[in-house]
Amino acid sequence: MKRRTLILLFGGGSSGALTLGSGAFSSASMDRGVDVDVVSDDKAVVGYESSDISVTGDDTVVLIEVHNQFGGDVDISIDDAEATVEGGDGDPDVTAVETTDDAFSPGESGEVRGEVSCQGAGTAVVEVTVTVSGEGVRAELYGDRETRSFEVTCVPPIESVAFAGNGNAVVSPDGLTLRTEALYVDPSDGSTRVEPSGGPFQWATSTNLQNARPKKEYDPSGKLAAVRFIDREATYYNPRHGPATIDFPEGWTDGEENPIAGERNGNGGGDPGAGGADGQTTTETGRGT
């Protein structure tokens, strides 16, 4: 494993009084009397929030958020940060970091952002230690704690979703696991419903939809109109249905790219007049559709 440390300076502090909680600083200097309490981040006057991150390619992401949880008129700012990235060859790297430039008031948050470089599919552990300040106070909040260190994972992007005419679909590439919902259209009245009825299922893309879907609490009747990959925030629609004709549920078309046009399966099988809409076909990937 390699351990890389990137120290970043963001400029001077800003005005405002500061009382720091959380017991997460290595040093603090105070020009006047300030009480320092040891409390959890959600109760501290300065909150620290991090979570695991997944990216599909080189991207700039929010690594952590620092919350001003003071009452009254107290501004704070992030002065500098140190990001430590631990991973092996091919794991993601954080190559640059920037932060919110201005001071932020009570109820507001500042961000530390990182540029993630994906060398392939892999995971790195990231720790970000920040220095915050207000009028007469400067303190360092550790990032090397179990509740604060987090993982950055590079995952392969979805290359295509191919829909067959028999209500099946195949995702490329193999090797993905996608939290999935499927949307079906009732041909009698055009109404739509989401399957499974009990919530999303995990689709391992080494197999097709018909083999991956649960056998219980899943009604495949009607026409397969679209699939939604929740963690990827991506909705692919069956090109046999124009997107304007599909009554998408709330949230399915959020984002600039959604809905995304899927493909007809590679050899055209399953289309009316090309072997029949109910025939089982095989795509170029060798997975039955």
C-alpha atoms as a PDB file:
ATOM      1  CA  MET A   1       0.000   0.000   0.000  1.00  0.00           C
ATOM      2  CA  LYS A   2       1.151   3.519  -0.718  1.00  0.00           C
ATOM      3  CA  ARG A   3       0.435   6.454   1.586  1.00  0.00           C
ATOM      4  CA  ARG A   4       0.471   9.868  -0.034  1.00  0.00           C
ATOM      5  CA  THR A   5       0.055  13.153   1.807  1.00  0.00           C
ATOM      6  CA  LEU A   6      -0.962  16.393   0.154  1.00  0.00           C
ATOM      7  CA  ILE A   7      -0.770  19.574   2.239  1.00  0.00           C
ATOM      8  CA  LEU A   8      -2.796  22.495   0.968  1.00  0.00           C
ATOM      9  CA  LEU A   9      -2.924  26.096   2.104  1.00  0.00           C
ATOM     10  CA  PHE A  10      -5.992  28.160   1.373  1.00  0.00           C
ATOM     11  CA  GLY A  11      -5.130  31.572   2.776  1.00  0.00           C
ATOM     12  CA  GLY A  12      -5.843  33.531   5.941  1.00  0.00           C
ATOM     13  CA  GLY A  13      -8.658  33.196   8.421  1.00  0.00           C
ATOM     14  CA  SER A  14     -11.680  35.392   8.808  1.00  0.00           C
ATOM     15  CA  SER A  15     -13.391  37.193  11.628  1.00  0.00           C
ATOM     16  CA  GLY A  16     -15.740  35.553  14.111  1.00  0.00           C
ATOM     17  CA  ALA A  17     -15.627  33.921  17.525  1.00  0.00           C
ATOM     18  CA  LEU A  18     -15.091  30.183  17.795  1.00  0.00           C
ATOM     19  CA  THR A  19     -15.752  27.552  20.438  1.00  0.00           C
ATOM     20  CA  LEU A  20     -14.577  24.177  19.149  1.00  0.00           C
ATOM     21  CA  GLY A  21     -16.084  20.882  20.161  1.00  0.00           C
ATOM     22  CA  SER A  22     -15.496  17.262  19.046  1.00  0.00           C
ATOM     23  CA  GLY A  23     -12.103  16.552  20.640  1.00  0.00           C
ATOM     24  CA  ALA A  24     -10.684  16.347  17.124  1.00  0.00           C
ATOM     25  CA  PHE A  25      -7.923  18.910  17.058  1.00  0.00           C
ATOM     26  CA  SER A  26      -4.202  18.527  17.576  1.00  0.00           C
ATOM     27  CA  SER A  27      -3.591  22.101  18.627  1.00  0.00           C
ATOM     28  CA  ALA A  28      -5.514  25.278  19.255  1.00  0.00           C
ATOM     29  CA  SER A  29      -4.394  28.828  19.908  1.00  0.00           C
ATOM     30  CA  MET A  30      -6.717  31.310  21.557  1.00  0.00           C
ATOM     31  CA  ASP A  31      -6.206  35.026  22.043  1.00  0.00           C
ATOM     32  CA  ARG A  32      -8.929  35.274  24.660  1.00  0.00           C
ATOM     33  CA  GLY A  33     -10.888  32.969  26.945  1.00  0.00           C
ATOM     34  CA  VAL A  34     -12.699  30.249  25.031  1.00  0.00           C
ATOM     35  CA  ASP A  35     -14.069  26.987  26.432  1.00  0.00           C
ATOM     36  CA  VAL A  36     -13.295  23.830  24.414  1.00  0.00           C
ATOM     37  CA  ASP A  37     -15.741  20.955  24.945  1.00  0.00           C
ATOM     38  CA  VAL A  38     -15.238  17.354  23.841  1.00  0.00           C
ATOM     39  CA  VAL A  39     -18.478  16.333  22.101  1.00  0.00           C
ATOM     40  CA  SER A  40     -19.485  14.398  18.984  1.00  0.00           C
ATOM     41  CA  ASP A  41     -19.493  16.107  15.579  1.00  0.00           C
ATOM     42  CA  ASP A  42     -23.277  16.360  15.411  1.00  0.00           C
ATOM     43  CA  LYS A  43     -23.295  18.285  18.714  1.00  0.00           C
ATOM     44  CA  ALA A  44     -20.098  20.289  18.234  1.00  0.00           C
ATOM     45  CA  VAL A  45     -20.180  23.937  17.280  1.00  0.00           C
ATOM     46  CA  VAL A  46     -18.034  22.923  14.301  1.00  0.00           C
ATOM     47  CA  GLY A  47     -19.342  19.783  12.595  1.00  0.00           C
ATOM     48  CA  TYR A  48     -17.289  17.526  10.310  1.00  0.00           C
ATOM     49  CA  GLU A  49     -19.077  15.332   7.755  1.00  0.00           C
ATOM     50  CA  SER A  50     -17.579  12.735   5.411  1.00  0.00           C
ATOM     51  CA  SER A  51     -18.893   9.667   3.593  1.00  0.00           C
ATOM     52  CA  ASP A  52     -17.730   7.085   1.081  1.00  0.00           C
ATOM     53  CA  ILE A  53     -17.576   8.299  -2.525  1.00  0.00           C
ATOM     54  CA  SER A  54     -17.879   6.449  -5.839  1.00  0.00           C
ATOM     55  CA  VAL A  55     -16.844   7.968  -9.158  1.00  0.00           C
ATOM     56  CA  THR A  56     -16.888   6.551 -12.683  1.00  0.00           C
ATOM     57  CA  GLY A  57     -13.966   8.578 -14.023  1.00  0.00           C
ATOM     58  CA  ASP A  58     -11.780  11.588 -13.294  1.00  0.00           C
ATOM     59  CA  ASP A  59     -13.959  14.032 -11.403  1.00  0.00           C
ATOM     60  CA  THR A  60     -14.008  16.832  -8.844  1.00  0.00           C
ATOM     61  CA  VAL A  61     -15.977  15.797  -5.780  1.00  0.00           C
ATOM     62  CA  VAL A  62     -16.759  17.083  -2.296  1.00  0.00           C
ATOM     63  CA  LEU A  63     -14.503  15.224   0.127  1.00  0.00           C
ATOM     64  CA  ILE A  64     -15.808  16.673   3.395  1.00  0.00           C
ATOM     65  CA  GLU A  65     -18.180  19.329   4.667  1.00  0.00           C
ATOM     66  CA  VAL A  66     -17.487  21.540   7.681  1.00  0.00           C
ATOM     67  CA  HIS A  67     -20.646  22.842   9.353  1.00  0.00           C
ATOM     68  CA  ASN A  68     -20.939  26.072  11.322  1.00  0.00           C
ATOM     69  CA  GLN A  69     -23.265  25.033  14.144  1.00  0.00           C
ATOM     70  CA  PHE A  70     -22.874  28.125  16.267  1.00  0.00           C
ATOM     71  CA  GLY A  71     -25.834  30.128  17.426  1.00  0.00           C
ATOM     72  CA  GLY A  72     -25.822  33.867  16.898  1.00  0.00           C
ATOM     73  CA  ASP A  73     -23.702  35.868  14.492  1.00  0.00           C
ATOM     74  CA  VAL A  74     -20.439  33.848  14.386  1.00  0.00           C
ATOM     75  CA  ASP A  75     -18.566  33.330  11.098  1.00  0.00           C
ATOM     76  CA  ILE A  76     -15.784  30.784  10.613  1.00  0.00           C
ATOM     77  CA  SER A  77     -13.547  29.798   7.709  1.00  0.00           C
ATOM     78  CA  ILE A  78     -11.335  26.929   6.551  1.00  0.00           C
ATOM     79  CA  ASP A  79      -7.710  28.065   6.457  1.00  0.00           C
ATOM     80  CA  ASP A  80      -5.887  24.963   5.222  1.00  0.00           C
ATOM     81  CA  ALA A  81      -6.201  21.198   4.858  1.00  0.00           C
ATOM     82  CA  GLU A  82      -4.069  18.086   4.686  1.00  0.00           C
ATOM     83  CA  ALA A  83      -5.322  15.136   2.652  1.00  0.00           C
ATOM     84  CA  THR A  84      -3.726  11.706   3.092  1.00  0.00           C
ATOM     85  CA  VAL A  85      -4.539   9.033   0.516  1.00  0.00           C
ATOM     86  CA  GLU A  86      -3.716   5.374   1.106  1.00  0.00           C
ATOM     87  CA  GLY A  87      -3.957   2.846  -1.710  1.00  0.00           C
ATOM     88  CA  GLY A  88      -2.059   0.631  -4.089  1.00  0.00           C
ATOM     89  CA  ASP A  89      -1.071   0.931  -7.722  1.00  0.00           C
ATOM     90  CA  GLY A  90      -4.138   1.514  -9.855  1.00  0.00           C
ATOM     91  CA  ASP A  91      -6.229   2.838  -6.976  1.00  0.00           C
ATOM     92  CA  PRO A  92      -7.704   6.344  -7.193  1.00  0.00           C
ATOM     93  CA  ASP A  93      -5.593   9.340  -6.271  1.00  0.00           C
ATOM     94  CA  VAL A  94      -6.507  12.802  -5.006  1.00  0.00           C
ATOM     95  CA  THR A  95      -4.320  15.150  -7.013  1.00  0.00           C
ATOM     96  CA  ALA A  96      -5.637  18.555  -5.965  1.00  0.00           C
ATOM     97  CA  VAL A  97      -7.872  20.042  -3.313  1.00  0.00           C
ATOM     98  CA  GLU A  98      -9.695  23.328  -2.979  1.00  0.00           C
ATOM     99  CA  THR A  99     -12.102  24.785  -0.456  1.00  0.00           C
ATOM    100  CA  THR A 100     -14.871  27.298   0.001  1.00  0.00           C
ATOM    101  CA  ASP A 101     -13.188  30.684  -0.289  1.00  0.00           C
ATOM    102  CA  ASP A 102     -15.419  32.775   1.939  1.00  0.00           C
ATOM    103  CA  ALA A 103     -16.273  32.569   5.615  1.00  0.00           C
ATOM    104  CA  PHE A 104     -19.570  30.875   6.376  1.00  0.00           C
ATOM    105  CA  SER A 105     -22.197  31.844   8.935  1.00  0.00           C
ATOM    106  CA  PRO A 106     -24.140  29.741  11.444  1.00  0.00           C
ATOM    107  CA  GLY A 107     -26.267  27.182   9.656  1.00  0.00           C
ATOM    108  CA  GLU A 108     -23.985  27.240   6.610  1.00  0.00           C
ATOM    109  CA  SER A 109     -21.247  24.856   5.524  1.00  0.00           C
ATOM    110  CA  GLY A 110     -17.836  24.993   3.895  1.00  0.00           C
ATOM    111  CA  GLU A 111     -16.485  22.336   1.557  1.00  0.00           C
ATOM    112  CA  VAL A 112     -13.154  20.709   0.851  1.00  0.00           C
ATOM    113  CA  ARG A 113     -13.157  19.369  -2.714  1.00  0.00           C
ATOM    114  CA  GLY A 114     -10.774  16.979  -4.390  1.00  0.00           C
ATOM    115  CA  GLU A 115      -9.912  16.075  -7.959  1.00  0.00           C
ATOM    116  CA  VAL A 116     -10.084  12.285  -8.142  1.00  0.00           C
ATOM    117  CA  SER A 117      -7.995  10.534 -10.779  1.00  0.00           C
ATOM    118  CA  CYS A 118      -9.074   7.002 -11.657  1.00  0.00           C
ATOM    119  CA  GLN A 119      -6.301   4.670 -12.815  1.00  0.00           C
ATOM    120  CA  GLY A 120      -8.733   1.762 -12.985  1.00  0.00           C
ATOM    121  CA  ALA A 121     -11.230   0.087 -10.692  1.00  0.00           C
ATOM    122  CA  GLY A 122     -10.020   0.370  -7.105  1.00  0.00           C
ATOM    123  CA  THR A 123     -10.504   1.920  -3.683  1.00  0.00           C
ATOM    124  CA  ALA A 124      -8.359   4.267  -1.608  1.00  0.00           C
ATOM    125  CA  VAL A 125      -8.792   5.395   1.999  1.00  0.00           C
ATOM    126  CA  VAL A 126      -8.755   9.181   2.400  1.00  0.00           C
ATOM    127  CA  GLU A 127      -8.246  11.267   5.514  1.00  0.00           C
ATOM    128  CA  VAL A 128      -8.679  15.034   5.449  1.00  0.00           C
ATOM    129  CA  THR A 129      -7.509  17.176   8.359  1.00  0.00           C
ATOM    130  CA  VAL A 130      -8.639  20.802   8.270  1.00  0.00           C
ATOM    131  CA  THR A 131      -7.726  23.952  10.147  1.00  0.00           C
ATOM    132  CA  VAL A 132     -10.573  26.302  10.963  1.00  0.00           C
ATOM    133  CA  SER A 133     -10.443  29.746  12.471  1.00  0.00           C
ATOM    134  CA  GLY A 134     -12.446  32.637  13.746  1.00  0.00           C
ATOM    135  CA  GLU A 135     -11.579  35.821  15.581  1.00  0.00           C
ATOM    136  CA  GLY A 136      -8.813  34.974  18.059  1.00  0.00           C
ATOM    137  CA  VAL A 137      -9.078  31.195  17.578  1.00  0.00           C
ATOM    138  CA  ARG A 138      -7.415  28.612  15.342  1.00  0.00           C
ATOM    139  CA  ALA A 139      -7.906  24.841  15.659  1.00  0.00           C
ATOM    140  CA  GLU A 140      -7.074  21.685  13.707  1.00  0.00           C
ATOM    141  CA  LEU A 141      -9.674  18.956  13.201  1.00  0.00           C
ATOM    142  CA  TYR A 142      -8.204  15.493  12.676  1.00  0.00           C
ATOM    143  CA  GLY A 143      -9.311  13.324   9.781  1.00  0.00           C
ATOM    144  CA  ASP A 144      -7.601  10.108  10.957  1.00  0.00           C
ATOM    145  CA  ARG A 145     -10.503   8.719  12.970  1.00  0.00           C
ATOM    146  CA  GLU A 146     -12.836   5.843  12.184  1.00  0.00           C
ATOM    147  CA  THR A 147     -15.825   8.155  12.005  1.00  0.00           C
ATOM    148  CA  ARG A 148     -14.049  10.517   9.605  1.00  0.00           C
ATOM    149  CA  SER A 149     -11.797   8.535   7.268  1.00  0.00           C
ATOM    150  CA  PHE A 150     -13.659   7.460   4.141  1.00  0.00           C
ATOM    151  CA  GLU A 151     -13.213   5.498   0.944  1.00  0.00           C
ATOM    152  CA  VAL A 152     -13.017   6.828  -2.607  1.00  0.00           C
ATOM    153  CA  THR A 153     -13.827   4.119  -5.154  1.00  0.00           C
ATOM    154  CA  CYS A 154     -13.427   4.240  -8.914  1.00  0.00           C
ATOM    155  CA  VAL A 155     -16.020   2.067 -10.614  1.00  0.00           C
ATOM    156  CA  PRO A 156     -16.250   1.283 -14.337  1.00  0.00           C
ATOM    157  CA  PRO A 157     -18.859   3.381 -16.169  1.00  0.00           C
ATOM    158  CA  ILE A 158     -21.923   1.816 -17.724  1.00  0.00           C
ATOM    159  CA  GLU A 159     -21.115   1.456 -21.413  1.00  0.00           C
ATOM    160  CA  SER A 160     -24.539   0.418 -22.701  1.00  0.00           C
ATOM    161  CA  VAL A 161     -27.913  -1.023 -21.830  1.00  0.00           C
ATOM    162  CA  ALA A 162     -29.402  -3.167 -24.603  1.00  0.00           C
ATOM    163  CA  PHE A 163     -33.112  -3.983 -24.570  1.00  0.00           C
ATOM    164  CA  ALA A 164     -34.517  -7.060 -26.254  1.00  0.00           C
ATOM    165  CA  GLY A 165     -38.043  -7.234 -27.615  1.00  0.00           C
ATOM    166  CA  ASN A 166     -39.002  -9.951 -25.152  1.00  0.00           C
ATOM    167  CA  GLY A 167     -38.788  -7.801 -22.043  1.00  0.00           C
ATOM    168  CA  ASN A 168     -35.167  -8.569 -21.302  1.00  0.00           C
ATOM    169  CA  ALA A 169     -32.078  -6.372 -21.106  1.00  0.00           C
ATOM    170  CA  VAL A 170     -28.292  -6.674 -20.895  1.00  0.00           C
ATOM    171  CA  VAL A 171     -25.813  -4.225 -19.362  1.00  0.00           C
ATOM    172  CA  SER A 172     -22.244  -3.777 -20.539  1.00  0.00           C
ATOM    173  CA  PRO A 173     -19.616  -4.201 -19.158  1.00  0.00           C
ATOM    174  CA  ASP A 174     -19.672  -7.389 -17.126  1.00  0.00           C
ATOM    175  CA  GLY A 175     -18.576  -7.216 -13.529  1.00  0.00           C
ATOM    176  CA  LEU A 176     -20.825  -4.415 -12.266  1.00  0.00           C
ATOM    177  CA  THR A 177     -23.350  -4.701  -9.458  1.00  0.00           C
ATOM    178  CA  LEU A 178     -26.148  -2.178  -9.851  1.00  0.00           C
ATOM    179  CA  ARG A 179     -29.006  -1.371  -7.488  1.00  0.00           C
ATOM    180  CA  THR A 180     -31.867  -1.501  -9.956  1.00  0.00           C
ATOM    181  CA  GLU A 181     -35.551  -0.799 -10.486  1.00  0.00           C
ATOM    182  CA  ALA A 182     -37.440  -1.630 -13.674  1.00  0.00           C
ATOM    183  CA  LEU A 183     -40.378   0.259 -15.184  1.00  0.00           C
ATOM    184  CA  TYR A 184     -43.139  -1.592 -17.025  1.00  0.00           C
ATOM    185  CA  VAL A 185     -45.951  -0.211 -19.171  1.00  0.00           C
ATOM    186  CA  ASP A 186     -49.434  -1.741 -19.253  1.00  0.00           C
ATOM    187  CA  PRO A 187     -50.224  -1.845 -23.007  1.00  0.00           C
ATOM    188  CA  SER A 188     -53.964  -1.648 -22.329  1.00  0.00           C
ATOM    189  CA  ASP A 189     -53.929   1.835 -20.823  1.00  0.00           C
ATOM    190  CA  GLY A 190     -50.324   3.106 -20.851  1.00  0.00           C
ATOM    191  CA  SER A 191     -50.022   3.127 -17.063  1.00  0.00           C
ATOM    192  CA  THR A 192     -46.637   2.356 -15.540  1.00  0.00           C
ATOM    193  CA  ARG A 193     -45.456   0.506 -12.456  1.00  0.00           C
ATOM    194  CA  VAL A 194     -42.081  -0.034 -10.795  1.00  0.00           C
ATOM    195  CA  GLU A 195     -40.711  -3.504 -10.073  1.00  0.00           C
ATOM    196  CA  PRO A 196     -39.820  -5.105  -7.738  1.00  0.00           C
ATOM    197  CA  SER A 197     -42.694  -4.002  -5.539  1.00  0.00           C
ATOM    198  CA  GLY A 198     -40.548  -4.514  -2.446  1.00  0.00           C
ATOM    199  CA  GLY A 199     -37.746  -2.151  -3.486  1.00  0.00           C
ATOM    200  CA  PRO A 200     -34.589  -2.229  -5.642  1.00  0.00           C
ATOM    201  CA  PHE A 201     -32.624  -5.396  -6.359  1.00  0.00           C
ATOM    202  CA  GLN A 202     -28.928  -5.970  -7.023  1.00  0.00           C
ATOM    203  CA  TRP A 203     -28.240  -6.682 -10.686  1.00  0.00           C
ATOM    204  CA  ALA A 204     -24.919  -8.440 -11.302  1.00  0.00           C
ATOM    205  CA  THR A 205     -24.265  -7.545 -14.935  1.00  0.00           C
ATOM    206  CA  SER A 206     -22.606 -10.874 -15.687  1.00  0.00           C
ATOM    207  CA  THR A 207     -26.171 -12.015 -16.305  1.00  0.00           C
ATOM    208  CA  ASN A 208     -29.219 -10.518 -18.017  1.00  0.00           C
ATOM    209  CA  LEU A 209     -32.243  -8.892 -16.419  1.00  0.00           C
ATOM    210  CA  GLN A 210     -34.475 -11.955 -16.543  1.00  0.00           C
ATOM    211  CA  ASN A 211     -31.904 -14.041 -14.686  1.00  0.00           C
ATOM    212  CA  ALA A 212     -30.888 -11.289 -12.260  1.00  0.00           C
ATOM    213  CA  ARG A 213     -34.317 -10.095 -11.144  1.00  0.00           C
ATOM    214  CA  PRO A 214     -35.923 -11.578  -8.024  1.00  0.00           C
ATOM    215  CA  LYS A 215     -38.481 -14.286  -8.567  1.00  0.00           C
ATOM    216  CA  LYS A 216     -40.785 -13.022  -5.815  1.00  0.00           C
ATOM    217  CA  GLU A 217     -42.418  -9.601  -5.519  1.00  0.00           C
ATOM    218  CA  TYR A 218     -41.629  -9.016  -9.176  1.00  0.00           C
ATOM    219  CA  ASP A 219     -44.290  -8.888 -11.892  1.00  0.00           C
ATOM    220  CA  PRO A 220     -42.716  -8.841 -15.393  1.00  0.00           C
ATOM    221  CA  SER A 221     -46.021  -8.516 -17.231  1.00  0.00           C
ATOM    222  CA  GLY A 222     -46.456  -5.689 -19.723  1.00  0.00           C
ATOM    223  CA  LYS A 223     -43.702  -3.975 -21.693  1.00  0.00           C
ATOM    224  CA  LEU A 224     -40.283  -3.199 -20.230  1.00  0.00           C
ATOM    225  CA  ALA A 225     -39.965   0.574 -20.697  1.00  0.00           C
ATOM    226  CA  ALA A 226     -36.891   1.542 -18.673  1.00  0.00           C
ATOM    227  CA  VAL A 227     -34.417   0.569 -15.977  1.00  0.00           C
ATOM    228  CA  ARG A 228     -33.052   2.805 -13.271  1.00  0.00           C
ATOM    229  CA  PHE A 229     -29.670   2.362 -11.593  1.00  0.00           C
ATOM    230  CA  ILE A 230     -30.138   4.206  -8.346  1.00  0.00           C
ATOM    231  CA  ASP A 231     -26.559   4.578  -7.130  1.00  0.00           C
ATOM    232  CA  ARG A 232     -25.443   5.723 -10.594  1.00  0.00           C
ATOM    233  CA  GLU A 233     -28.375   8.181 -10.797  1.00  0.00           C
ATOM    234  CA  ALA A 234     -28.991   6.918 -14.333  1.00  0.00           C
ATOM    235  CA  THR A 235     -32.211   5.929 -16.138  1.00  0.00           C
ATOM    236  CA  TYR A 236     -32.066   4.095 -19.470  1.00  0.00           C
ATOM    237  CA  TYR A 237     -35.223   3.769 -21.569  1.00  0.00           C
ATOM    238  CA  ASN A 238     -36.146   1.125 -24.108  1.00  0.00           C
ATOM    239  CA  PRO A 239     -35.755   2.696 -27.583  1.00  0.00           C
ATOM    240  CA  ARG A 240     -38.906   0.875 -28.650  1.00  0.00           C
ATOM    241  CA  HIS A 241     -40.740   3.411 -26.480  1.00  0.00           C
ATOM    242  CA  GLY A 242     -40.234   7.115 -27.081  1.00  0.00           C
ATOM    243  CA  PRO A 243     -39.365   8.855 -23.812  1.00  0.00           C
ATOM    244  CA  ALA A 244     -42.231  11.306 -24.305  1.00  0.00           C
ATOM    245  CA  THR A 245     -44.684   8.400 -24.240  1.00  0.00           C
ATOM    246  CA  ILE A 246     -43.444   6.980 -20.919  1.00  0.00           C
ATOM    247  CA  ASP A 247     -44.948   8.185 -17.656  1.00  0.00           C
ATOM    248  CA  PHE A 248     -41.742   8.177 -15.604  1.00  0.00           C
ATOM    249  CA  PRO A 249     -42.117   8.150 -11.801  1.00  0.00           C
ATOM    250  CA  GLU A 250     -40.806  11.059  -9.788  1.00  0.00           C
ATOM    251  CA  GLY A 251     -37.007  11.100  -9.611  1.00  0.00           C
ATOM    252  CA  TRP A 252     -36.412   8.872 -12.634  1.00  0.00           C
ATOM    253  CA  THR A 253     -35.609  11.768 -14.961  1.00  0.00           C
ATOM    254  CA  ASP A 254     -33.681  13.963 -12.523  1.00  0.00           C
ATOM    255  CA  GLY A 255     -30.342  15.139 -13.885  1.00  0.00           C
ATOM    256  CA  GLU A 256     -29.324  16.630 -17.205  1.00  0.00           C
ATOM    257  CA  GLU A 257     -28.667  13.320 -18.977  1.00  0.00           C
ATOM    258  CA  ASN A 258     -31.752  11.401 -17.906  1.00  0.00           C
ATOM    259  CA  PRO A 259     -33.472   9.613 -19.432  1.00  0.00           C
ATOM    260  CA  ILE A 260     -30.705   8.008 -21.519  1.00  0.00           C
ATOM    261  CA  ALA A 261     -31.546   6.130 -24.709  1.00  0.00           C
ATOM    262  CA  GLY A 262     -30.793   2.435 -24.474  1.00  0.00           C
ATOM    263  CA  GLU A 263     -29.885   0.242 -27.422  1.00  0.00           C
ATOM    264  CA  ARG A 264     -31.758  -2.504 -29.192  1.00  0.00           C
ATOM    265  CA  ASN A 265     -30.006  -5.756 -28.506  1.00  0.00           C
ATOM    266  CA  GLY A 266     -26.948  -6.302 -30.718  1.00  0.00           C
ATOM    267  CA  ASN A 267     -28.338  -8.637 -33.385  1.00  0.00           C
ATOM    268  CA  GLY A 268     -31.804  -7.110 -33.597  1.00  0.00           C
ATOM    269  CA  GLY A 269     -33.402 -10.305 -32.307  1.00  0.00           C
ATOM    270  CA  GLY A 270     -36.700  -9.981 -30.548  1.00  0.00           C
ATOM    271  CA  ASP A 271     -38.007  -7.237 -32.822  1.00  0.00           C
ATOM    272  CA  PRO A 272     -41.317  -7.783 -34.585  1.00  0.00           C
ATOM    273  CA  GLY A 273     -40.568  -9.374 -37.958  1.00  0.00           C
ATOM    274  CA  ALA A 274     -37.092 -10.433 -36.859  1.00  0.00           C
ATOM    275  CA  GLY A 275     -37.690 -13.732 -35.164  1.00  0.00           C
ATOM    276  CA  GLY A 276     -40.674 -12.640 -33.083  1.00  0.00           C
ATOM    277  CA  ALA A 277     -41.007 -10.459 -30.025  1.00  0.00           C
ATOM    278  CA  ASP A 278     -41.175 -13.436 -27.693  1.00  0.00           C
ATOM    279  CA  GLY A 279     -38.111 -15.327 -28.951  1.00  0.00           C
ATOM    280  CA  GLN A 280     -35.086 -15.818 -26.701  1.00  0.00           C
ATOM    281  CA  THR A 281     -32.043 -14.288 -28.363  1.00  0.00           C
ATOM    282  CA  THR A 282     -28.324 -13.968 -27.692  1.00  0.00           C
ATOM    283  CA  THR A 283     -26.374 -10.727 -27.822  1.00  0.00           C
ATOM    284  CA  GLU A 284     -22.806 -10.262 -28.964  1.00  0.00           C
ATOM    285  CA  THR A 285     -21.733 -10.539 -25.315  1.00  0.00           C
ATOM    286  CA  GLY A 286     -22.948 -14.130 -25.201  1.00  0.00           C
ATOM    287  CA  ARG A 287     -25.482 -13.467 -22.468  1.00  0.00           C
ATOM    288  CA  GLY A 288     -28.995 -14.634 -23.261  1.00  0.00           C
ATOM    289  CA  THR A 289     -31.538 -11.890 -23.795  1.00  0.00           C
END
